[in-house]
Amino acid sequence: MDAKPAAICAACNRAINEGQSVTYDLLFDRYFCDNACWSDWYADNEAEHRRKWTEEVDL
């Protein structure tokens, strides 16, 4: 019987098992098996990150 993975990498869909170190994106609640996968995913989703986390302000 195979154990159910704790999460799935949002970039490459690899199974992430319990006890494995991963990169977690708190804004989108997504797990990535390593920093390379996170970087690849972020490159494609930078505009959405920017829209949610930045704003113009007057000082």
N, C-alpha and C. Protein backbone atom coordinates (compact mmCIF):
# COMPACT_ATOMS: atom_id res chain seq x y z
N MET A 1 0.85 -1.17 0.00
CA MET A 1 0.00 0.00 0.00
C MET A 1 0.90 1.24 0.00
N ASP A 2 0.66 2.14 -0.92
CA ASP A 2 1.44 3.37 -0.99
C ASP A 2 0.85 4.42 -0.06
N ALA A 3 1.76 5.16 0.59
CA ALA A 3 1.32 6.24 1.48
C ALA A 3 0.85 7.42 0.63
N LYS A 4 -0.17 8.09 1.10
CA LYS A 4 -0.69 9.27 0.41
C LYS A 4 0.30 10.42 0.61
N PRO A 5 0.65 11.16 -0.44
CA PRO A 5 1.58 12.28 -0.28
C PRO A 5 0.97 13.38 0.58
N ALA A 6 1.82 14.10 1.31
CA ALA A 6 1.36 15.19 2.16
C ALA A 6 0.96 16.40 1.33
N ALA A 7 1.57 16.56 0.16
CA ALA A 7 1.27 17.68 -0.74
C ALA A 7 1.75 17.32 -2.14
N ILE A 8 1.39 18.14 -3.10
CA ILE A 8 1.83 18.00 -4.48
C ILE A 8 2.51 19.30 -4.89
N CYS A 9 3.67 19.21 -5.53
CA CYS A 9 4.37 20.41 -5.99
C CYS A 9 3.50 21.14 -7.01
N ALA A 10 3.29 22.43 -6.79
CA ALA A 10 2.44 23.24 -7.68
C ALA A 10 3.07 23.47 -9.05
N ALA A 11 4.38 23.28 -9.15
CA ALA A 11 5.05 23.53 -10.43
C ALA A 11 5.21 22.26 -11.27
N CYS A 12 5.68 21.18 -10.64
CA CYS A 12 5.99 19.98 -11.42
C CYS A 12 5.08 18.79 -11.10
N ASN A 13 4.15 18.98 -10.16
CA ASN A 13 3.19 17.94 -9.75
C ASN A 13 3.82 16.70 -9.12
N ARG A 14 5.06 16.85 -8.62
CA ARG A 14 5.70 15.73 -7.93
C ARG A 14 5.09 15.58 -6.54
N ALA A 15 4.95 14.35 -6.09
CA ALA A 15 4.43 14.07 -4.75
C ALA A 15 5.46 14.51 -3.72
N ILE A 16 4.98 15.19 -2.68
CA ILE A 16 5.83 15.63 -1.57
C ILE A 16 5.40 14.83 -0.35
N ASN A 17 6.32 14.06 0.19
CA ASN A 17 6.01 13.19 1.32
C ASN A 17 6.25 13.89 2.65
N GLU A 18 5.57 13.43 3.65
CA GLU A 18 5.73 13.96 5.01
C GLU A 18 7.20 13.83 5.43
N GLY A 19 7.72 14.87 6.06
CA GLY A 19 9.10 14.88 6.52
C GLY A 19 10.08 15.45 5.51
N GLN A 20 9.63 15.70 4.29
CA GLN A 20 10.47 16.26 3.25
C GLN A 20 10.49 17.78 3.38
N SER A 21 11.64 18.40 3.19
CA SER A 21 11.73 19.86 3.20
C SER A 21 11.22 20.41 1.88
N VAL A 22 10.40 21.45 1.96
CA VAL A 22 9.80 22.04 0.77
C VAL A 22 9.81 23.56 0.89
N THR A 23 9.49 24.22 -0.21
CA THR A 23 9.27 25.67 -0.21
C THR A 23 7.76 25.89 -0.20
N TYR A 24 7.30 26.76 0.70
CA TYR A 24 5.87 27.01 0.84
C TYR A 24 5.59 28.46 0.50
N ASP A 25 4.63 28.70 -0.37
CA ASP A 25 4.21 30.04 -0.74
C ASP A 25 2.97 30.37 0.09
N LEU A 26 3.15 31.22 1.09
CA LEU A 26 2.09 31.56 2.03
C LEU A 26 0.94 32.32 1.36
N LEU A 27 1.26 33.18 0.42
CA LEU A 27 0.22 33.97 -0.25
C LEU A 27 -0.78 33.08 -0.99
N PHE A 28 -0.29 32.12 -1.74
CA PHE A 28 -1.16 31.28 -2.56
C PHE A 28 -1.39 29.90 -1.95
N ASP A 29 -0.83 29.64 -0.78
CA ASP A 29 -1.00 28.35 -0.11
C ASP A 29 -0.61 27.20 -1.04
N ARG A 30 0.62 27.29 -1.56
CA ARG A 30 1.11 26.28 -2.49
C ARG A 30 2.46 25.76 -2.01
N TYR A 31 2.70 24.49 -2.28
CA TYR A 31 3.95 23.84 -1.92
C TYR A 31 4.78 23.57 -3.17
N PHE A 32 6.09 23.66 -3.02
CA PHE A 32 7.03 23.41 -4.11
C PHE A 32 8.13 22.49 -3.61
N CYS A 33 8.51 21.50 -4.42
CA CYS A 33 9.47 20.50 -3.94
C CYS A 33 10.87 21.08 -3.74
N ASP A 34 11.19 22.20 -4.39
CA ASP A 34 12.48 22.85 -4.17
C ASP A 34 12.41 24.29 -4.67
N ASN A 35 13.48 25.04 -4.44
CA ASN A 35 13.50 26.44 -4.84
C ASN A 35 13.44 26.62 -6.36
N ALA A 36 13.98 25.67 -7.10
CA ALA A 36 13.94 25.77 -8.56
C ALA A 36 12.50 25.73 -9.07
N CYS A 37 11.71 24.82 -8.50
CA CYS A 37 10.30 24.76 -8.91
C CYS A 37 9.57 26.03 -8.52
N TRP A 38 9.84 26.55 -7.33
CA TRP A 38 9.20 27.80 -6.91
C TRP A 38 9.59 28.93 -7.85
N SER A 39 10.87 29.03 -8.21
CA SER A 39 11.34 30.09 -9.11
C SER A 39 10.65 30.00 -10.47
N ASP A 40 10.53 28.78 -11.00
CA ASP A 40 9.86 28.59 -12.29
C ASP A 40 8.39 29.02 -12.20
N TRP A 41 7.71 28.60 -11.14
CA TRP A 41 6.30 28.95 -10.97
C TRP A 41 6.15 30.47 -10.78
N TYR A 42 7.03 31.06 -9.96
CA TYR A 42 6.94 32.48 -9.69
C TYR A 42 7.15 33.31 -10.95
N ALA A 43 8.07 32.88 -11.79
CA ALA A 43 8.34 33.61 -13.04
C ALA A 43 7.07 33.73 -13.89
N ASP A 44 6.25 32.68 -13.86
CA ASP A 44 5.00 32.70 -14.62
C ASP A 44 3.86 33.42 -13.90
N ASN A 45 4.01 33.68 -12.60
CA ASN A 45 2.93 34.25 -11.79
C ASN A 45 3.34 35.54 -11.07
N GLU A 46 4.41 36.17 -11.51
CA GLU A 46 4.92 37.37 -10.85
C GLU A 46 3.90 38.50 -10.83
N ALA A 47 3.17 38.70 -11.91
CA ALA A 47 2.21 39.80 -11.97
C ALA A 47 1.13 39.65 -10.90
N GLU A 48 0.67 38.42 -10.69
CA GLU A 48 -0.36 38.20 -9.67
C GLU A 48 0.20 38.44 -8.27
N HIS A 49 1.43 37.99 -8.04
CA HIS A 49 2.08 38.26 -6.76
C HIS A 49 2.18 39.76 -6.54
N ARG A 50 2.66 40.46 -7.52
CA ARG A 50 2.85 41.91 -7.42
C ARG A 50 1.53 42.61 -7.14
N ARG A 51 0.47 42.21 -7.84
CA ARG A 51 -0.83 42.83 -7.66
C ARG A 51 -1.34 42.64 -6.23
N LYS A 52 -1.10 41.49 -5.64
CA LYS A 52 -1.61 41.22 -4.30
C LYS A 52 -0.74 41.79 -3.20
N TRP A 53 0.53 41.99 -3.47
CA TRP A 53 1.47 42.38 -2.41
C TRP A 53 2.01 43.80 -2.51
N THR A 54 1.74 44.52 -3.58
CA THR A 54 2.28 45.87 -3.71
C THR A 54 1.16 46.86 -4.03
N GLU A 55 1.39 48.09 -3.71
CA GLU A 55 0.45 49.15 -4.02
C GLU A 55 1.19 50.48 -4.10
N GLU A 56 0.62 51.41 -4.80
CA GLU A 56 1.20 52.75 -4.86
C GLU A 56 0.64 53.56 -3.71
N VAL A 57 1.52 54.31 -3.06
CA VAL A 57 1.10 55.15 -1.94
C VAL A 57 1.71 56.53 -2.09
N ASP A 58 1.07 57.53 -1.50
CA ASP A 58 1.62 58.88 -1.46
C ASP A 58 2.32 59.07 -0.11
N LEU A 59 3.52 59.61 -0.16
CA LEU A 59 4.26 59.87 1.08
C LEU A 59 4.25 61.34 1.39
